[in-house]
């Protein structure tokens, strides 16, 4: 498996799917891939998907993440951003590396921890996925009980809220129910392509202050 893995080249925007991957093999593959890499994985009961994002994919992720961080900072809400940390649970044989993720309400429970173990630790409060070239594995997030998943695709932001162990599309965020984020986030993302990142974040901070 490792010899085959070393021979696999995943070009940006492409995906490789491996079947019948055991949990032990998954752990070995993750160790072999290392933490500092562009490729991301999703694992669902024996099926392993390895994907490498496009530059556009990364740009959108960074700006949306920066906007969300600015929102939390302006509202003085403590948070922890763990990027594409590998979240996995052997008991349900599922694992995933989100584009970006945030601990907000559960931040005090994992503060200072170097390793997150979902068999004892809570999942992130919010995960972000960019679907330019990949597909969001909502069933995996559902299994890991992530309360909120943002999916950005074709210029639109979809917010998925976990209710009764199933995701439903929502017009508002679980964390910010009074803000029209599905409209505002794409608007400022597009603005960043015209006026740049810093100017956009500054304008967004002003917008948040006006609404609070």
Protein backbone atom coordinates (compact mmCIF):
# COMPACT_ATOMS: atom_id res chain seq x y z
CA UNK A 1 0.00 0.00 0.00
CA UNK A 2 2.76 2.47 0.95
CA UNK A 3 4.76 1.69 -2.19
CA UNK A 4 1.64 2.31 -4.30
CA UNK A 5 0.88 5.48 -2.35
CA UNK A 6 4.32 6.94 -2.99
CA UNK A 7 3.79 6.42 -6.72
CA UNK A 8 0.47 8.26 -6.73
CA UNK A 9 0.58 11.85 -7.98
CA UNK A 10 -2.61 13.83 -7.48
CA UNK A 11 -2.58 16.98 -9.68
CA UNK A 12 -4.33 20.10 -8.33
CA UNK A 13 -8.09 19.77 -8.71
CA UNK A 14 -7.98 15.97 -9.00
CA UNK A 15 -9.06 13.16 -6.70
CA UNK A 16 -7.85 9.60 -6.13
CA UNK A 17 -10.13 7.02 -4.50
CA UNK A 18 -8.78 3.90 -2.78
CA UNK A 19 -11.16 1.11 -1.76
CA UNK A 20 -11.00 -1.51 1.00
CA UNK A 21 -8.63 0.57 3.14
CA UNK A 22 -8.55 -0.73 6.72
CA UNK A 23 -8.31 1.55 9.74
CA UNK A 24 -4.74 0.39 10.36
CA UNK A 25 -3.85 1.19 6.75
CA UNK A 26 -5.51 4.60 7.07
CA UNK A 27 -3.39 5.44 10.13
CA UNK A 28 -0.25 4.32 8.28
CA UNK A 29 -1.16 6.34 5.19
CA UNK A 30 -1.78 9.49 7.26
CA UNK A 31 1.60 9.06 8.93
CA UNK A 32 3.26 8.54 5.56
CA UNK A 33 1.58 11.61 4.04
CA UNK A 34 2.63 13.77 6.99
CA UNK A 35 0.98 16.90 8.32
CA UNK A 36 2.50 19.50 5.99
CA UNK A 37 0.89 18.71 2.64
CA UNK A 38 -1.55 20.14 0.15
CA UNK A 39 -3.61 16.95 -0.23
CA UNK A 40 -6.65 16.37 1.98
CA UNK A 41 -8.37 13.11 2.83
CA UNK A 42 -11.87 11.83 3.52
CA UNK A 43 -12.45 8.31 4.86
CA UNK A 44 -15.79 6.55 5.03
CA UNK A 45 -15.92 2.90 6.11
CA UNK A 46 -13.11 1.59 3.95
CA UNK A 47 -13.17 4.14 1.12
CA UNK A 48 -10.35 6.68 1.17
CA UNK A 49 -10.45 9.80 -0.99
CA UNK A 50 -7.31 11.91 -1.50
CA UNK A 51 -7.81 15.34 -3.11
CA UNK A 52 -5.47 18.21 -3.98
CA UNK A 53 -7.16 21.64 -4.23
CA UNK A 54 -6.78 24.23 -6.98
CA UNK A 55 -5.28 27.69 -6.21
CA UNK A 56 -8.76 29.26 -6.64
CA UNK A 57 -10.04 26.78 -4.08
CA UNK A 58 -7.41 27.94 -1.57
CA UNK A 59 -8.04 31.63 -2.25
CA UNK A 60 -11.75 31.30 -1.50
CA UNK A 61 -11.02 29.29 1.64
CA UNK A 62 -8.59 31.88 2.99
CA UNK A 63 -10.83 34.90 2.37
CA UNK A 64 -13.96 33.25 3.79
CA UNK A 65 -11.94 32.09 6.81
CA UNK A 66 -10.53 35.59 7.33
CA UNK A 67 -14.02 37.09 7.15
CA UNK A 68 -15.28 34.62 9.74
CA UNK A 69 -12.31 35.31 12.02
CA UNK A 70 -12.94 39.06 11.69
CA UNK A 71 -16.58 38.49 12.66
CA UNK A 72 -15.60 36.54 15.78
CA UNK A 73 -12.97 39.11 16.74
CA UNK A 74 -15.33 42.06 16.33
CA UNK A 75 -17.88 40.32 18.54
CA UNK A 76 -15.14 39.44 21.05
CA UNK A 77 -15.95 35.73 20.82
CA UNK A 78 -13.10 33.41 21.77
CA UNK A 79 -12.36 30.76 19.16
CA UNK A 80 -9.76 28.32 17.95
CA UNK A 81 -9.11 27.71 14.28
CA UNK A 82 -7.66 24.29 13.50
CA UNK A 83 -7.47 24.41 9.70
CA UNK A 84 -7.40 21.03 7.97
CA UNK A 85 -6.86 19.00 11.14
CA UNK A 86 -7.60 15.30 10.68
CA UNK A 87 -10.79 14.45 12.57
CA UNK A 88 -11.51 10.75 12.83
CA UNK A 89 -13.38 8.24 14.92
CA UNK A 90 -12.43 4.58 14.72
CA UNK A 91 -15.72 3.43 16.27
CA UNK A 92 -17.69 4.67 13.26
CA UNK A 93 -14.82 4.16 10.77
CA UNK A 94 -14.99 7.72 9.46
CA UNK A 95 -12.56 10.59 9.18
CA UNK A 96 -12.13 13.87 7.33
CA UNK A 97 -9.90 16.89 6.91
CA UNK A 98 -12.06 20.00 6.40
CA UNK A 99 -10.88 23.00 4.43
CA UNK A 100 -11.13 24.97 7.63
CA UNK A 101 -12.77 24.48 11.01
CA UNK A 102 -13.54 26.47 14.12
CA UNK A 103 -14.10 25.69 17.76
CA UNK A 104 -16.36 28.40 19.20
CA UNK A 105 -18.74 27.25 21.93
CA UNK A 106 -16.57 24.19 22.54
CA UNK A 107 -13.31 26.14 22.45
CA UNK A 108 -12.83 26.03 26.26
CA UNK A 109 -13.04 22.23 26.14
CA UNK A 110 -10.08 21.84 23.76
CA UNK A 111 -8.08 24.94 24.72
CA UNK A 112 -4.37 24.18 24.80
CA UNK A 113 -4.78 20.61 23.55
CA UNK A 114 -2.21 19.49 20.98
CA UNK A 115 -4.19 16.44 19.88
CA UNK A 116 -7.95 16.16 19.36
CA UNK A 117 -9.51 12.75 19.95
CA UNK A 118 -13.17 12.68 18.89
CA UNK A 119 -13.83 9.64 21.03
CA UNK A 120 -13.47 11.92 24.07
CA UNK A 121 -13.30 15.50 22.69
CA UNK A 122 -16.14 17.45 21.03
CA UNK A 123 -16.07 18.01 17.25
CA UNK A 124 -15.49 21.52 15.85
CA UNK A 125 -18.52 23.80 16.03
CA UNK A 126 -18.23 24.76 12.37
CA UNK A 127 -16.50 23.28 9.31
CA UNK A 128 -15.94 25.00 5.98
CA UNK A 129 -15.80 23.25 2.59
CA UNK A 130 -15.08 24.72 -0.84
CA UNK A 131 -16.69 22.65 -3.59
CA UNK A 132 -14.91 23.90 -6.70
CA UNK A 133 -13.31 20.54 -7.37
CA UNK A 134 -14.28 18.36 -4.43
CA UNK A 135 -17.53 17.20 -2.93
CA UNK A 136 -18.55 17.79 0.64
CA UNK A 137 -18.92 14.58 2.62
CA UNK A 138 -21.89 15.58 4.73
CA UNK A 139 -22.42 11.97 5.80
CA UNK A 140 -18.97 11.97 7.43
CA UNK A 141 -19.58 15.28 9.20
CA UNK A 142 -22.93 13.86 10.27
CA UNK A 143 -21.24 10.79 11.74
CA UNK A 144 -18.72 12.98 13.57
CA UNK A 145 -21.61 15.20 14.79
CA UNK A 146 -20.27 18.54 13.56
CA UNK A 147 -23.11 20.99 14.37
CA UNK A 148 -22.65 23.30 11.37
CA UNK A 149 -21.08 22.89 7.91
CA UNK A 150 -20.59 25.75 5.45
CA UNK A 151 -20.34 24.75 1.81
CA UNK A 152 -19.28 27.34 -0.75
CA UNK A 153 -20.04 26.35 -4.34
CA UNK A 154 -20.65 28.28 -7.58
CA UNK A 155 -20.51 31.62 -5.77
CA UNK A 156 -23.13 30.60 -3.20
CA UNK A 157 -22.79 29.87 0.49
CA UNK A 158 -24.92 27.02 1.83
CA UNK A 159 -25.26 26.60 5.58
CA UNK A 160 -26.08 23.13 6.87
CA UNK A 161 -27.27 22.68 10.46
CA UNK A 162 -27.33 19.31 12.22
CA UNK A 163 -30.80 18.55 13.59
CA UNK A 164 -31.82 15.12 14.87
CA UNK A 165 -28.63 13.62 13.39
CA UNK A 166 -29.42 14.99 9.90
CA UNK A 167 -28.34 18.14 8.09
CA UNK A 168 -30.89 20.66 6.97
CA UNK A 169 -30.17 23.74 4.86
CA UNK A 170 -30.57 26.95 6.81
CA UNK A 171 -30.81 30.62 5.90
CA UNK A 172 -28.76 31.54 8.96
CA UNK A 173 -25.83 30.33 11.01
CA UNK A 174 -26.34 28.45 14.25
CA UNK A 175 -23.71 30.70 15.81
CA UNK A 176 -25.01 33.97 14.31
CA UNK A 177 -28.75 33.56 13.70
CA UNK A 178 -29.41 37.28 13.22
CA UNK A 179 -26.85 37.93 10.48
CA UNK A 180 -27.55 37.42 6.72
CA UNK A 181 -24.22 35.65 6.21
CA UNK A 182 -25.32 33.60 3.18
CA UNK A 183 -25.63 36.90 1.32
CA UNK A 184 -22.87 38.94 2.94
CA UNK A 185 -19.98 36.43 2.84
CA UNK A 186 -20.16 35.83 -0.97
CA UNK A 187 -20.55 39.58 -1.49
CA UNK A 188 -17.34 40.39 0.39
CA UNK A 189 -15.53 37.47 -1.22
CA UNK A 190 -16.24 38.96 -4.64
CA UNK A 191 -15.24 42.40 -3.38
CA UNK A 192 -11.83 41.03 -2.33
CA UNK A 193 -11.10 40.20 -5.98
CA UNK A 194 -11.50 43.89 -6.82
CA UNK A 195 -10.16 45.87 -3.87
CA UNK A 196 -7.89 43.26 -2.29
CA UNK A 197 -7.89 41.30 0.92
CA UNK A 198 -7.02 44.03 3.45
CA UNK A 199 -9.53 46.58 2.16
CA UNK A 200 -12.25 43.93 2.13
CA UNK A 201 -11.62 42.82 5.70
CA UNK A 202 -11.62 46.44 6.85
CA UNK A 203 -14.98 47.10 5.16
CA UNK A 204 -16.41 43.89 6.58
CA UNK A 205 -15.34 44.84 10.11
CA UNK A 206 -17.14 48.16 9.67
CA UNK A 207 -20.25 46.31 8.49
CA UNK A 208 -20.20 44.09 11.61
CA UNK A 209 -19.84 47.12 13.87
CA UNK A 210 -22.82 48.81 12.21
CA UNK A 211 -24.99 45.76 12.89
CA UNK A 212 -23.97 45.51 16.56
